[in-house]
Amino acid sequence: GCSDSDGVEMYGLDGEEMWYADFNKGEGVMPLPPFADPFTFPGAYEQAVGNQGVCKANLAVNIKAYKNPEE
């Protein structure tokens, strides 16, 4: 998801966060405990950055089309 000023990309399973993009640090983070199997795939963070660009472009189009609706 995204907003005018912020964004988030997260992968989860059964209500547990498995991976998220930390846009402030510029990296993907796996908050799983050490005994869990790692969840990685090459280019995950770069894909998240690209998805934020698409999300913000779509947000701008929707704000204009719906005349700046309430949240």
PDB file of N, CA and C in Angstrom:
ATOM      1  N   GLY A   1       0.826  -1.173   0.000  1.00  0.00           N
ATOM      2  CA  GLY A   1       0.000   0.000   0.000  1.00  0.00           C
ATOM      3  C   GLY A   1       0.871   1.237   0.000  1.00  0.00           C
ATOM      4  N   CYS A   2       0.238   2.363  -0.253  1.00  0.00           N
ATOM      5  CA  CYS A   2       0.982   3.610  -0.282  1.00  0.00           C
ATOM      6  C   CYS A   2       0.066   4.775   0.064  1.00  0.00           C
ATOM      7  N   SER A   3       0.682   5.904   0.371  1.00  0.00           N
ATOM      8  CA  SER A   3      -0.008   7.164   0.583  1.00  0.00           C
ATOM      9  C   SER A   3       0.807   8.232  -0.132  1.00  0.00           C
ATOM     10  N   ASP A   4       0.397   9.483   0.005  1.00  0.00           N
ATOM     11  CA  ASP A   4       1.168  10.568  -0.616  1.00  0.00           C
ATOM     12  C   ASP A   4       2.589  10.646  -0.084  1.00  0.00           C
ATOM     13  N   SER A   5       2.788  10.231   1.169  1.00  0.00           N
ATOM     14  CA  SER A   5       4.091  10.415   1.796  1.00  0.00           C
ATOM     15  C   SER A   5       4.781   9.130   2.231  1.00  0.00           C
ATOM     16  N   ASP A   6       4.081   7.999   2.208  1.00  0.00           N
ATOM     17  CA  ASP A   6       4.642   6.792   2.803  1.00  0.00           C
ATOM     18  C   ASP A   6       4.215   5.575   1.999  1.00  0.00           C
ATOM     19  N   GLY A   7       4.833   4.438   2.282  1.00  0.00           N
ATOM     20  CA  GLY A   7       4.451   3.200   1.617  1.00  0.00           C
ATOM     21  C   GLY A   7       4.892   1.994   2.412  1.00  0.00           C
ATOM     22  N   VAL A   8       4.288   0.849   2.094  1.00  0.00           N
ATOM     23  CA  VAL A   8       4.641  -0.389   2.771  1.00  0.00           C
ATOM     24  C   VAL A   8       4.479  -1.546   1.792  1.00  0.00           C
ATOM     25  N   GLU A   9       5.363  -2.507   1.898  1.00  0.00           N
ATOM     26  CA  GLU A   9       5.258  -3.770   1.155  1.00  0.00           C
ATOM     27  C   GLU A   9       5.589  -4.863   2.149  1.00  0.00           C
ATOM     28  N   MET A  10       4.680  -5.829   2.313  1.00  0.00           N
ATOM     29  CA  MET A  10       4.838  -6.856   3.324  1.00  0.00           C
ATOM     30  C   MET A  10       4.286  -8.170   2.798  1.00  0.00           C
ATOM     31  N   TYR A  11       4.969  -9.254   3.160  1.00  0.00           N
ATOM     32  CA  TYR A  11       4.473 -10.605   2.875  1.00  0.00           C
ATOM     33  C   TYR A  11       4.227 -11.279   4.211  1.00  0.00           C
ATOM     34  N   GLY A  12       3.066 -11.919   4.338  1.00  0.00           N
ATOM     35  CA  GLY A  12       2.726 -12.584   5.578  1.00  0.00           C
ATOM     36  C   GLY A  12       2.065 -13.928   5.328  1.00  0.00           C
ATOM     37  N   LEU A  13       1.957 -14.709   6.376  1.00  0.00           N
ATOM     38  CA  LEU A  13       1.308 -16.013   6.318  1.00  0.00           C
ATOM     39  C   LEU A  13       0.635 -16.261   7.657  1.00  0.00           C
ATOM     40  N   ASP A  14      -0.650 -16.580   7.636  1.00  0.00           N
ATOM     41  CA  ASP A  14      -1.419 -16.866   8.856  1.00  0.00           C
ATOM     42  C   ASP A  14      -1.294 -15.745   9.889  1.00  0.00           C
ATOM     43  N   GLY A  15      -1.341 -14.509   9.429  1.00  0.00           N
ATOM     44  CA  GLY A  15      -1.279 -13.369  10.334  1.00  0.00           C
ATOM     45  C   GLY A  15       0.104 -13.015  10.824  1.00  0.00           C
ATOM     46  N   GLU A  16       1.121 -13.739  10.384  1.00  0.00           N
ATOM     47  CA  GLU A  16       2.493 -13.459  10.797  1.00  0.00           C
ATOM     48  C   GLU A  16       3.245 -12.750   9.673  1.00  0.00           C
ATOM     49  N   GLU A  17       3.972 -11.728  10.021  1.00  0.00           N
ATOM     50  CA  GLU A  17       4.787 -11.003   9.057  1.00  0.00           C
ATOM     51  C   GLU A  17       6.038 -11.824   8.746  1.00  0.00           C
ATOM     52  N   MET A  18       6.244 -12.141   7.457  1.00  0.00           N
ATOM     53  CA  MET A  18       7.402 -12.951   7.062  1.00  0.00           C
ATOM     54  C   MET A  18       8.521 -12.104   6.459  1.00  0.00           C
ATOM     55  N   TRP A  19       8.140 -11.017   5.780  1.00  0.00           N
ATOM     56  CA  TRP A  19       9.124 -10.161   5.115  1.00  0.00           C
ATOM     57  C   TRP A  19       8.488  -8.805   4.898  1.00  0.00           C
ATOM     58  N   TYR A  20       9.279  -7.750   5.027  1.00  0.00           N
ATOM     59  CA  TYR A  20       8.778  -6.428   4.663  1.00  0.00           C
ATOM     60  C   TYR A  20       9.925  -5.580   4.124  1.00  0.00           C
ATOM     61  N   ALA A  21       9.549  -4.595   3.327  1.00  0.00           N
ATOM     62  CA  ALA A  21      10.526  -3.668   2.766  1.00  0.00           C
ATOM     63  C   ALA A  21      10.655  -2.485   3.713  1.00  0.00           C
ATOM     64  N   ASP A  22      11.870  -2.221   4.161  1.00  0.00           N
ATOM     65  CA  ASP A  22      12.149  -1.051   4.988  1.00  0.00           C
ATOM     66  C   ASP A  22      12.695   0.022   4.052  1.00  0.00           C
ATOM     67  N   PHE A  23      11.822   0.940   3.638  1.00  0.00           N
ATOM     68  CA  PHE A  23      12.223   1.951   2.659  1.00  0.00           C
ATOM     69  C   PHE A  23      13.160   2.991   3.265  1.00  0.00           C
ATOM     70  N   ASN A  24      13.167   3.148   4.578  1.00  0.00           N
ATOM     71  CA  ASN A  24      14.100   4.078   5.215  1.00  0.00           C
ATOM     72  C   ASN A  24      15.525   3.534   5.192  1.00  0.00           C
ATOM     73  N   LYS A  25      15.674   2.222   5.434  1.00  0.00           N
ATOM     74  CA  LYS A  25      17.004   1.599   5.418  1.00  0.00           C
ATOM     75  C   LYS A  25      17.422   1.154   4.018  1.00  0.00           C
ATOM     76  N   GLY A  26      16.447   1.012   3.105  1.00  0.00           N
ATOM     77  CA  GLY A  26      16.753   0.589   1.742  1.00  0.00           C
ATOM     78  C   GLY A  26      17.043  -0.900   1.632  1.00  0.00           C
ATOM     79  N   GLU A  27      16.284  -1.714   2.389  1.00  0.00           N
ATOM     80  CA  GLU A  27      16.521  -3.160   2.354  1.00  0.00           C
ATOM     81  C   GLU A  27      15.267  -3.923   2.759  1.00  0.00           C
ATOM     82  N   GLY A  28      15.266  -5.205   2.433  1.00  0.00           N
ATOM     83  CA  GLY A  28      14.210  -6.097   2.878  1.00  0.00           C
ATOM     84  C   GLY A  28      14.560  -6.662   4.242  1.00  0.00           C
ATOM     85  N   VAL A  29      13.556  -6.879   5.092  1.00  0.00           N
ATOM     86  CA  VAL A  29      13.775  -7.354   6.453  1.00  0.00           C
ATOM     87  C   VAL A  29      12.940  -8.603   6.686  1.00  0.00           C
ATOM     88  N   MET A  30      13.567  -9.624   7.284  1.00  0.00           N
ATOM     89  CA  MET A  30      12.861 -10.844   7.678  1.00  0.00           C
ATOM     90  C   MET A  30      12.774 -10.863   9.203  1.00  0.00           C
ATOM     91  N   PRO A  31      11.600 -10.553   9.773  1.00  0.00           N
ATOM     92  CA  PRO A  31      11.476 -10.510  11.232  1.00  0.00           C
ATOM     93  C   PRO A  31      11.214 -11.875  11.881  1.00  0.00           C
ATOM     94  N   LEU A  32      11.425 -12.946  11.130  1.00  0.00           N
ATOM     95  CA  LEU A  32      11.188 -14.286  11.664  1.00  0.00           C
ATOM     96  C   LEU A  32      12.255 -14.654  12.693  1.00  0.00           C
ATOM     97  N   PRO A  33      11.925 -15.505  13.650  1.00  0.00           N
ATOM     98  CA  PRO A  33      12.931 -15.944  14.625  1.00  0.00           C
ATOM     99  C   PRO A  33      14.017 -16.790  13.952  1.00  0.00           C
ATOM    100  N   PRO A  34      15.171 -16.927  14.571  1.00  0.00           N
ATOM    101  CA  PRO A  34      16.305 -17.639  13.963  1.00  0.00           C
ATOM    102  C   PRO A  34      16.017 -19.094  13.576  1.00  0.00           C
ATOM    103  N   PHE A  35      15.102 -19.772  14.274  1.00  0.00           N
ATOM    104  CA  PHE A  35      14.837 -21.176  13.971  1.00  0.00           C
ATOM    105  C   PHE A  35      13.915 -21.367  12.762  1.00  0.00           C
ATOM    106  N   ALA A  36      13.315 -20.292  12.254  1.00  0.00           N
ATOM    107  CA  ALA A  36      12.404 -20.398  11.113  1.00  0.00           C
ATOM    108  C   ALA A  36      13.204 -20.490   9.810  1.00  0.00           C
ATOM    109  N   ASP A  37      12.632 -21.165   8.832  1.00  0.00           N
ATOM    110  CA  ASP A  37      13.261 -21.231   7.515  1.00  0.00           C
ATOM    111  C   ASP A  37      13.235 -19.845   6.882  1.00  0.00           C
ATOM    112  N   PRO A  38      14.348 -19.410   6.311  1.00  0.00           N
ATOM    113  CA  PRO A  38      14.381 -18.065   5.718  1.00  0.00           C
ATOM    114  C   PRO A  38      13.477 -17.979   4.483  1.00  0.00           C
ATOM    115  N   PHE A  39      12.898 -16.809   4.296  1.00  0.00           N
ATOM    116  CA  PHE A  39      12.030 -16.528   3.154  1.00  0.00           C
ATOM    117  C   PHE A  39      12.694 -15.423   2.342  1.00  0.00           C
ATOM    118  N   THR A  40      13.339 -15.783   1.263  1.00  0.00           N
ATOM    119  CA  THR A  40      14.014 -14.788   0.432  1.00  0.00           C
ATOM    120  C   THR A  40      13.784 -15.097  -1.036  1.00  0.00           C
ATOM    121  N   PHE A  41      13.847 -14.065  -1.848  1.00  0.00           N
ATOM    122  CA  PHE A  41      13.961 -14.262  -3.279  1.00  0.00           C
ATOM    123  C   PHE A  41      14.693 -13.060  -3.844  1.00  0.00           C
ATOM    124  N   PRO A  42      15.568 -13.312  -4.826  1.00  0.00           N
ATOM    125  CA  PRO A  42      16.378 -12.236  -5.387  1.00  0.00           C
ATOM    126  C   PRO A  42      15.506 -11.131  -5.979  1.00  0.00           C
ATOM    127  N   GLY A  43      15.848  -9.898  -5.681  1.00  0.00           N
ATOM    128  CA  GLY A  43      15.141  -8.758  -6.248  1.00  0.00           C
ATOM    129  C   GLY A  43      13.874  -8.374  -5.504  1.00  0.00           C
ATOM    130  N   ALA A  44      13.615  -8.935  -4.324  1.00  0.00           N
ATOM    131  CA  ALA A  44      12.380  -8.642  -3.586  1.00  0.00           C
ATOM    132  C   ALA A  44      12.294  -7.160  -3.227  1.00  0.00           C
ATOM    133  N   TYR A  45      13.382  -6.599  -2.717  1.00  0.00           N
ATOM    134  CA  TYR A  45      13.335  -5.183  -2.330  1.00  0.00           C
ATOM    135  C   TYR A  45      13.176  -4.290  -3.554  1.00  0.00           C
ATOM    136  N   GLU A  46      13.899  -4.604  -4.615  1.00  0.00           N
ATOM    137  CA  GLU A  46      13.809  -3.799  -5.837  1.00  0.00           C
ATOM    138  C   GLU A  46      12.387  -3.845  -6.418  1.00  0.00           C
ATOM    139  N   GLN A  47      11.753  -4.997  -6.340  1.00  0.00           N
ATOM    140  CA  GLN A  47      10.366  -5.118  -6.794  1.00  0.00           C
ATOM    141  C   GLN A  47       9.444  -4.269  -5.918  1.00  0.00           C
ATOM    142  N   ALA A  48       9.691  -4.254  -4.619  1.00  0.00           N
ATOM    143  CA  ALA A  48       8.884  -3.449  -3.705  1.00  0.00           C
ATOM    144  C   ALA A  48       8.996  -1.963  -4.040  1.00  0.00           C
ATOM    145  N   VAL A  49      10.204  -1.519  -4.367  1.00  0.00           N
ATOM    146  CA  VAL A  49      10.409  -0.118  -4.742  1.00  0.00           C
ATOM    147  C   VAL A  49       9.624   0.195  -6.015  1.00  0.00           C
ATOM    148  N   GLY A  50       9.690  -0.693  -7.001  1.00  0.00           N
ATOM    149  CA  GLY A  50       8.927  -0.497  -8.235  1.00  0.00           C
ATOM    150  C   GLY A  50       7.435  -0.485  -7.991  1.00  0.00           C
ATOM    151  N   ASN A  51       6.963  -1.363  -7.113  1.00  0.00           N
ATOM    152  CA  ASN A  51       5.535  -1.408  -6.794  1.00  0.00           C
ATOM    153  C   ASN A  51       5.072  -0.104  -6.147  1.00  0.00           C
ATOM    154  N   GLN A  52       5.941   0.529  -5.352  1.00  0.00           N
ATOM    155  CA  GLN A  52       5.566   1.796  -4.736  1.00  0.00           C
ATOM    156  C   GLN A  52       5.392   2.887  -5.788  1.00  0.00           C
ATOM    157  N   GLY A  53       6.228   2.867  -6.816  1.00  0.00           N
ATOM    158  CA  GLY A  53       6.076   3.841  -7.902  1.00  0.00           C
ATOM    159  C   GLY A  53       4.742   3.685  -8.609  1.00  0.00           C
ATOM    160  N   VAL A  54       4.369   2.440  -8.896  1.00  0.00           N
ATOM    161  CA  VAL A  54       3.084   2.159  -9.541  1.00  0.00           C
ATOM    162  C   VAL A  54       1.935   2.566  -8.623  1.00  0.00           C
ATOM    163  N   CYS A  55       2.039   2.229  -7.330  1.00  0.00           N
ATOM    164  CA  CYS A  55       0.986   2.548  -6.366  1.00  0.00           C
ATOM    165  C   CYS A  55       0.770   4.060  -6.265  1.00  0.00           C
ATOM    166  N   LYS A  56       1.841   4.818  -6.194  1.00  0.00           N
ATOM    167  CA  LYS A  56       1.720   6.274  -6.069  1.00  0.00           C
ATOM    168  C   LYS A  56       1.173   6.902  -7.344  1.00  0.00           C
ATOM    169  N   ALA A  57       1.532   6.348  -8.503  1.00  0.00           N
ATOM    170  CA  ALA A  57       0.967   6.846  -9.761  1.00  0.00           C
ATOM    171  C   ALA A  57      -0.530   6.565  -9.821  1.00  0.00           C
ATOM    172  N   ASN A  58      -0.936   5.355  -9.427  1.00  0.00           N
ATOM    173  CA  ASN A  58      -2.358   5.009  -9.397  1.00  0.00           C
ATOM    174  C   ASN A  58      -3.107   5.863  -8.382  1.00  0.00           C
ATOM    175  N   LEU A  59      -2.489   6.155  -7.243  1.00  0.00           N
ATOM    176  CA  LEU A  59      -3.103   6.986  -6.223  1.00  0.00           C
ATOM    177  C   LEU A  59      -3.377   8.388  -6.770  1.00  0.00           C
ATOM    178  N   ALA A  60      -2.407   8.949  -7.479  1.00  0.00           N
ATOM    179  CA  ALA A  60      -2.587  10.286  -8.049  1.00  0.00           C
ATOM    180  C   ALA A  60      -3.733  10.310  -9.060  1.00  0.00           C
ATOM    181  N   VAL A  61      -3.824   9.279  -9.885  1.00  0.00           N
ATOM    182  CA  VAL A  61      -4.913   9.194 -10.868  1.00  0.00           C
ATOM    183  C   VAL A  61      -6.259   9.094 -10.157  1.00  0.00           C
ATOM    184  N   ASN A  62      -6.348   8.259  -9.129  1.00  0.00           N
ATOM    185  CA  ASN A  62      -7.607   8.095  -8.402  1.00  0.00           C
ATOM    186  C   ASN A  62      -8.014   9.352  -7.647  1.00  0.00           C
ATOM    187  N   ILE A  63      -7.056  10.038  -7.037  1.00  0.00           N
ATOM    188  CA  ILE A  63      -7.376  11.289  -6.345  1.00  0.00           C
ATOM    189  C   ILE A  63      -7.964  12.292  -7.324  1.00  0.00           C
ATOM    190  N   LYS A  64      -7.377  12.390  -8.503  1.00  0.00           N
ATOM    191  CA  LYS A  64      -7.881  13.319  -9.517  1.00  0.00           C
ATOM    192  C   LYS A  64      -9.250  12.864 -10.030  1.00  0.00           C
ATOM    193  N   ALA A  65      -9.404  11.568 -10.304  1.00  0.00           N
ATOM    194  CA  ALA A  65     -10.651  11.062 -10.877  1.00  0.00           C
ATOM    195  C   ALA A  65     -11.819  11.174  -9.894  1.00  0.00           C
ATOM    196  N   TYR A  66     -11.541  10.933  -8.610  1.00  0.00           N
ATOM    197  CA  TYR A  66     -12.613  10.964  -7.605  1.00  0.00           C
ATOM    198  C   TYR A  66     -12.630  12.263  -6.819  1.00  0.00           C
ATOM    199  N   LYS A  67     -11.946  13.269  -7.327  1.00  0.00           N
ATOM    200  CA  LYS A  67     -11.931  14.604  -6.739  1.00  0.00           C
ATOM    201  C   LYS A  67     -11.545  14.609  -5.264  1.00  0.00           C
ATOM    202  N   ASN A  68     -10.394  13.986  -4.994  1.00  0.00           N
ATOM    203  CA  ASN A  68      -9.771  13.951  -3.674  1.00  0.00           C
ATOM    204  C   ASN A  68     -10.723  13.446  -2.590  1.00  0.00           C
ATOM    205  N   PRO A  69     -11.083  12.157  -2.626  1.00  0.00           N
ATOM    206  CA  PRO A  69     -12.025  11.608  -1.629  1.00  0.00           C
ATOM    207  C   PRO A  69     -11.399  11.533  -0.243  1.00  0.00           C
ATOM    208  N   GLU A  70     -12.238  11.403   0.764  1.00  0.00           N
ATOM    209  CA  GLU A  70     -11.749  11.218   2.132  1.00  0.00           C
ATOM    210  C   GLU A  70     -11.092   9.859   2.234  1.00  0.00           C
ATOM    211  N   GLU A  71     -10.246   9.667   3.263  1.00  0.00           N
ATOM    212  CA  GLU A  71      -9.586   8.372   3.460  1.00  0.00           C
ATOM    213  C   GLU A  71     -10.599   7.305   3.801  1.00  0.00           C
TER     214      GLU A  71
END
